[in-house]
Amino acid sequence: MSDANTQVPAFELIWDENAESLAIEEAFREILSQTDLSTDLRAEAMTQLARSQGLQGQFEAAKITLKEAFETSQETVPHLRYQLEMGRVLRSSGQLPESAPYFRKAYEEANPLEIARKSDNVRTQGWAAIILNNSAWDVFDEGKYEQALKMFTEATAIRKRALDAKETVKSKRAYRIARWSEGFTLRHMEKNEEAYKIQRQLLDEDDTKPNREELVILCDKLGLVEEAKEHRSILETKFK
């Protein structure tokens, strides 16, 4: 399979330009209204429509859309997107055991993953970051923290390259989430000082609830009593 076949289609830019899931859903519905789409691109657009539905909590609608995408095309790239998005929808809807086989299947498709890793195209590398991130949470849930950390660390490096290439709301958020995931995993490995350093760096950049929650736990573990109180107070006021 050539590298060109794993290029992210132009409509992926929609995720950079629209912050609201409803706007993204409308954008993909407009794309799907076109009659000249190839079968493969139509299937890919359906998976992205399903992703936006899942982000809005419309899980059953997302599953129906993904079923239609699967029936439309099972070529490599559409099928890979189908595996990833079905895994995401199932995980987001609380069906963790059911989501695992989809992430594993995507990860096992080593050829597109290796192509994405080696590509000079940042967007193509994004395939690897997506697969690594979801597979990392899969093995994390099995308690394989060292393996998960390795995957998260590789995903973070890819996200950093994407951010350096083009800073957008999406690329900044993806890089932040990747780093948070590293810190979260380090805490579960009892590497609390390393985890604390990451979470403090993230706090210096932006103040978020998940970040503060991790810092409460880490400060308790490290005996930073006053700082823990500060984080708890902010959680009770700013993030109540």
Protein backbone atom coordinates (compact mmCIF):
# COMPACT_ATOMS: atom_id res chain seq x y z
CA MET A 1 0.00 0.00 0.00
CA SER A 2 1.48 3.39 -0.94
CA ASP A 3 1.88 6.27 1.47
CA ALA A 4 -0.59 8.29 -0.56
CA ASN A 5 -3.33 5.83 0.32
CA THR A 6 -2.99 6.66 4.01
CA GLN A 7 -3.18 10.43 3.52
CA VAL A 8 -5.93 12.00 5.59
CA PRO A 9 -8.59 13.33 3.18
CA ALA A 10 -9.06 17.09 2.94
CA PHE A 11 -12.35 16.94 4.85
CA GLU A 12 -10.36 16.07 7.98
CA LEU A 13 -9.58 19.79 8.16
CA ILE A 14 -13.14 20.22 9.38
CA TRP A 15 -12.00 18.98 12.78
CA ASP A 16 -9.47 21.82 12.91
CA GLU A 17 -11.86 24.55 11.84
CA ASN A 18 -15.00 23.70 13.85
CA ALA A 19 -14.98 23.56 17.63
CA GLU A 20 -18.60 22.51 18.02
CA SER A 21 -19.68 18.94 17.37
CA LEU A 22 -22.98 20.07 15.91
CA ALA A 23 -21.17 22.22 13.33
CA ILE A 24 -18.98 19.25 12.46
CA GLU A 25 -22.01 17.00 12.09
CA GLU A 26 -23.63 19.49 9.72
CA ALA A 27 -20.41 19.78 7.72
CA PHE A 28 -20.16 16.02 7.21
CA ARG A 29 -23.84 15.74 6.34
CA GLU A 30 -23.26 18.36 3.67
CA ILE A 31 -20.32 16.36 2.32
CA LEU A 32 -22.42 13.19 2.26
CA SER A 33 -25.10 15.01 0.27
CA GLN A 34 -22.65 15.23 -2.64
CA THR A 35 -23.35 12.68 -5.36
CA ASP A 36 -19.83 12.49 -6.80
CA LEU A 37 -18.06 11.08 -3.73
CA SER A 38 -16.16 7.85 -4.25
CA THR A 39 -17.39 4.87 -2.27
CA ASP A 40 -14.32 4.92 -0.03
CA LEU A 41 -14.55 8.65 0.73
CA ARG A 42 -18.25 8.31 1.44
CA ALA A 43 -17.52 5.56 3.97
CA GLU A 44 -14.80 7.68 5.57
CA ALA A 45 -17.11 10.68 5.82
CA MET A 46 -19.70 8.45 7.50
CA THR A 47 -17.19 7.40 10.15
CA GLN A 48 -16.48 11.06 10.90
CA LEU A 49 -20.19 11.82 11.07
CA ALA A 50 -20.45 8.98 13.58
CA ARG A 51 -17.57 10.46 15.55
CA SER A 52 -19.40 13.79 15.84
CA GLN A 53 -22.58 11.98 16.89
CA GLY A 54 -20.65 10.12 19.57
CA LEU A 55 -19.16 13.35 20.91
CA GLN A 56 -22.72 14.64 21.31
CA GLY A 57 -23.73 11.52 23.24
CA GLN A 58 -25.80 10.15 20.35
CA PHE A 59 -24.28 6.70 20.70
CA GLU A 60 -26.99 4.61 19.07
CA ALA A 61 -27.14 6.96 16.09
CA ALA A 62 -23.35 6.73 15.82
CA LYS A 63 -23.48 2.94 15.78
CA ILE A 64 -26.07 2.99 13.00
CA THR A 65 -23.93 5.39 10.97
CA LEU A 66 -20.86 3.22 11.49
CA LYS A 67 -22.75 0.10 10.40
CA GLU A 68 -23.66 1.92 7.19
CA ALA A 69 -20.02 2.96 6.72
CA PHE A 70 -18.89 -0.64 7.17
CA GLU A 71 -21.40 -1.84 4.60
CA THR A 72 -20.35 0.91 2.16
CA SER A 73 -16.64 0.08 1.99
CA GLN A 74 -14.20 -2.26 3.69
CA GLU A 75 -11.08 -0.98 1.97
CA THR A 76 -8.06 -0.42 4.24
CA VAL A 77 -8.43 3.24 5.21
CA PRO A 78 -12.25 3.33 5.58
CA HIS A 79 -12.09 0.08 7.54
CA LEU A 80 -9.36 1.45 9.82
CA ARG A 81 -11.47 4.53 10.50
CA TYR A 82 -14.46 2.27 11.19
CA GLN A 83 -12.48 0.27 13.75
CA LEU A 84 -11.25 3.38 15.52
CA GLU A 85 -14.57 5.18 15.64
CA MET A 86 -16.54 2.12 16.73
CA GLY A 87 -14.02 1.65 19.52
CA ARG A 88 -14.40 5.29 20.52
CA VAL A 89 -18.19 5.16 20.54
CA LEU A 90 -18.27 1.98 22.62
CA ARG A 91 -15.70 3.32 25.09
CA SER A 92 -17.49 6.68 25.43
CA SER A 93 -20.81 4.92 26.04
CA GLY A 94 -19.26 2.90 28.88
CA GLN A 95 -18.83 -0.36 26.97
CA LEU A 96 -15.12 -0.80 27.73
CA PRO A 97 -14.84 -4.59 27.19
CA GLU A 98 -16.72 -4.30 23.90
CA SER A 99 -14.47 -1.47 22.66
CA ALA A 100 -11.19 -3.35 23.18
CA PRO A 101 -11.40 -5.69 20.14
CA TYR A 102 -11.88 -2.73 17.80
CA PHE A 103 -8.80 -0.92 19.12
CA ARG A 104 -6.80 -4.16 19.02
CA LYS A 105 -7.84 -4.77 15.42
CA ALA A 106 -6.74 -1.29 14.42
CA TYR A 107 -3.44 -1.74 16.19
CA GLU A 108 -2.85 -5.13 14.61
CA GLU A 109 -3.13 -3.58 11.16
CA ALA A 110 0.60 -2.96 11.39
CA ASN A 111 1.17 -1.99 7.78
CA PRO A 112 -0.78 1.29 7.82
CA LEU A 113 0.56 2.05 11.30
CA GLU A 114 4.18 1.62 10.22
CA ILE A 115 3.59 3.68 7.08
CA ALA A 116 2.06 6.43 9.18
CA ARG A 117 4.98 6.36 11.62
CA LYS A 118 7.56 6.70 8.83
CA SER A 119 5.69 9.27 6.75
CA ASP A 120 7.00 12.82 6.42
CA ASN A 121 3.40 14.04 6.29
CA VAL A 122 2.27 15.21 9.73
CA ARG A 123 -1.39 14.45 9.05
CA THR A 124 -0.52 10.94 7.93
CA GLN A 125 1.46 10.46 11.14
CA GLY A 126 -1.76 11.33 12.94
CA TRP A 127 -3.00 7.82 12.09
CA ALA A 128 -0.27 6.40 14.29
CA ALA A 129 -1.07 8.79 17.15
CA ILE A 130 -4.76 7.86 17.08
CA ILE A 131 -4.06 4.13 17.03
CA LEU A 132 -1.37 4.37 19.71
CA ASN A 133 -3.56 6.46 22.01
CA ASN A 134 -6.58 4.18 21.85
CA SER A 135 -4.47 1.02 22.08
CA ALA A 136 -2.65 2.50 25.07
CA TRP A 137 -5.91 2.94 26.98
CA ASP A 138 -6.81 -0.62 26.07
CA VAL A 139 -3.65 -2.06 27.65
CA PHE A 140 -3.89 0.45 30.52
CA ASP A 141 -7.28 -1.01 31.42
CA GLU A 142 -5.56 -4.40 31.61
CA GLY A 143 -3.06 -3.01 34.11
CA LYS A 144 -0.14 -3.07 31.67
CA TYR A 145 1.07 0.38 32.62
CA GLU A 146 4.60 0.18 31.24
CA GLN A 147 3.32 -0.86 27.82
CA ALA A 148 0.68 1.87 27.93
CA LEU A 149 3.28 4.50 28.88
CA LYS A 150 5.47 3.53 25.94
CA MET A 151 2.53 3.99 23.56
CA PHE A 152 1.45 7.28 25.13
CA THR A 153 5.01 8.61 24.93
CA GLU A 154 5.23 7.81 21.22
CA ALA A 155 1.83 9.39 20.64
CA THR A 156 2.98 12.51 22.50
CA ALA A 157 6.00 12.87 20.22
CA ILE A 158 3.77 12.63 17.15
CA ARG A 159 1.33 15.17 18.58
CA LYS A 160 4.22 17.56 19.28
CA ARG A 161 5.35 17.38 15.66
CA ALA A 162 1.81 18.12 14.52
CA LEU A 163 1.62 21.11 16.87
CA ASP A 164 4.95 22.45 15.64
CA ALA A 165 3.82 22.07 12.03
CA LYS A 166 0.52 23.88 12.58
CA GLU A 167 -0.84 25.23 15.83
CA THR A 168 -4.61 24.87 15.97
CA VAL A 169 -7.14 24.34 18.73
CA LYS A 170 -7.20 20.67 17.79
CA SER A 171 -3.42 20.16 17.69
CA LYS A 172 -2.93 21.96 21.02
CA ARG A 173 -5.67 19.92 22.67
CA ALA A 174 -4.36 16.61 21.25
CA TYR A 175 -0.84 17.36 22.51
CA ARG A 176 -2.13 18.32 25.94
CA ILE A 177 -4.25 15.17 26.25
CA ALA A 178 -1.28 13.01 25.22
CA ARG A 179 0.91 14.55 27.92
CA TRP A 180 -1.84 14.29 30.54
CA SER A 181 -2.21 10.60 29.67
CA GLU A 182 1.52 10.11 30.23
CA GLY A 183 1.26 11.74 33.65
CA PHE A 184 -1.83 9.74 34.56
CA THR A 185 -0.05 6.50 33.69
CA LEU A 186 3.11 7.47 35.57
CA ARG A 187 1.01 7.99 38.70
CA HIS A 188 -0.41 4.50 38.39
CA MET A 189 3.17 3.25 38.14
CA GLU A 190 3.91 5.08 41.43
CA LYS A 191 6.31 7.41 39.62
CA ASN A 192 4.66 10.30 41.38
CA GLU A 193 7.39 12.94 41.06
CA GLU A 194 7.55 12.48 37.28
CA ALA A 195 3.77 12.58 37.07
CA TYR A 196 3.67 15.71 39.24
CA LYS A 197 6.16 17.49 36.99
CA ILE A 198 4.02 16.85 33.91
CA GLN A 199 0.79 17.94 35.59
CA ARG A 200 2.41 21.14 36.92
CA GLN A 201 3.65 21.98 33.42
CA LEU A 202 0.15 21.49 32.07
CA LEU A 203 -1.31 23.67 34.81
CA ASP A 204 1.08 26.47 33.88
CA GLU A 205 -0.36 26.37 30.35
CA ASP A 206 -4.06 26.04 31.18
CA ASP A 207 -6.29 25.36 34.16
CA THR A 208 -8.49 22.30 33.67
CA LYS A 209 -10.47 20.04 35.98
CA PRO A 210 -8.69 16.76 35.05
CA ASN A 211 -5.36 18.47 35.65
CA ARG A 212 -6.38 19.77 39.09
CA GLU A 213 -7.84 16.40 40.06
CA GLU A 214 -4.56 14.67 39.27
CA LEU A 215 -2.63 17.27 41.22
CA VAL A 216 -4.79 16.70 44.31
CA ILE A 217 -3.96 13.00 44.24
CA LEU A 218 -0.27 13.59 43.54
CA CYS A 219 0.12 16.26 46.21
CA ASP A 220 -1.43 13.91 48.75
CA LYS A 221 1.01 11.20 47.75
CA LEU A 222 4.00 13.55 47.87
CA GLY A 223 3.02 15.19 51.16
CA LEU A 224 2.37 18.61 49.61
CA VAL A 225 -0.45 19.38 52.02
CA GLU A 226 -0.92 23.10 51.36
CA GLU A 227 -0.81 22.71 47.59
CA ALA A 228 -3.34 19.89 47.78
CA LYS A 229 -5.66 22.19 49.74
CA GLU A 230 -5.28 24.86 47.08
CA HIS A 231 -6.21 22.47 44.27
CA ARG A 232 -9.20 21.15 46.22
CA SER A 233 -10.42 24.68 46.87
CA ILE A 234 -10.23 25.59 43.19
CA LEU A 235 -12.03 22.38 42.22
CA GLU A 236 -14.84 23.23 44.65
CA THR A 237 -15.21 26.79 43.39
CA LYS A 238 -14.11 27.08 39.77
CA PHE A 239 -15.03 23.54 38.65
CA LYS A 240 -18.02 22.72 40.85
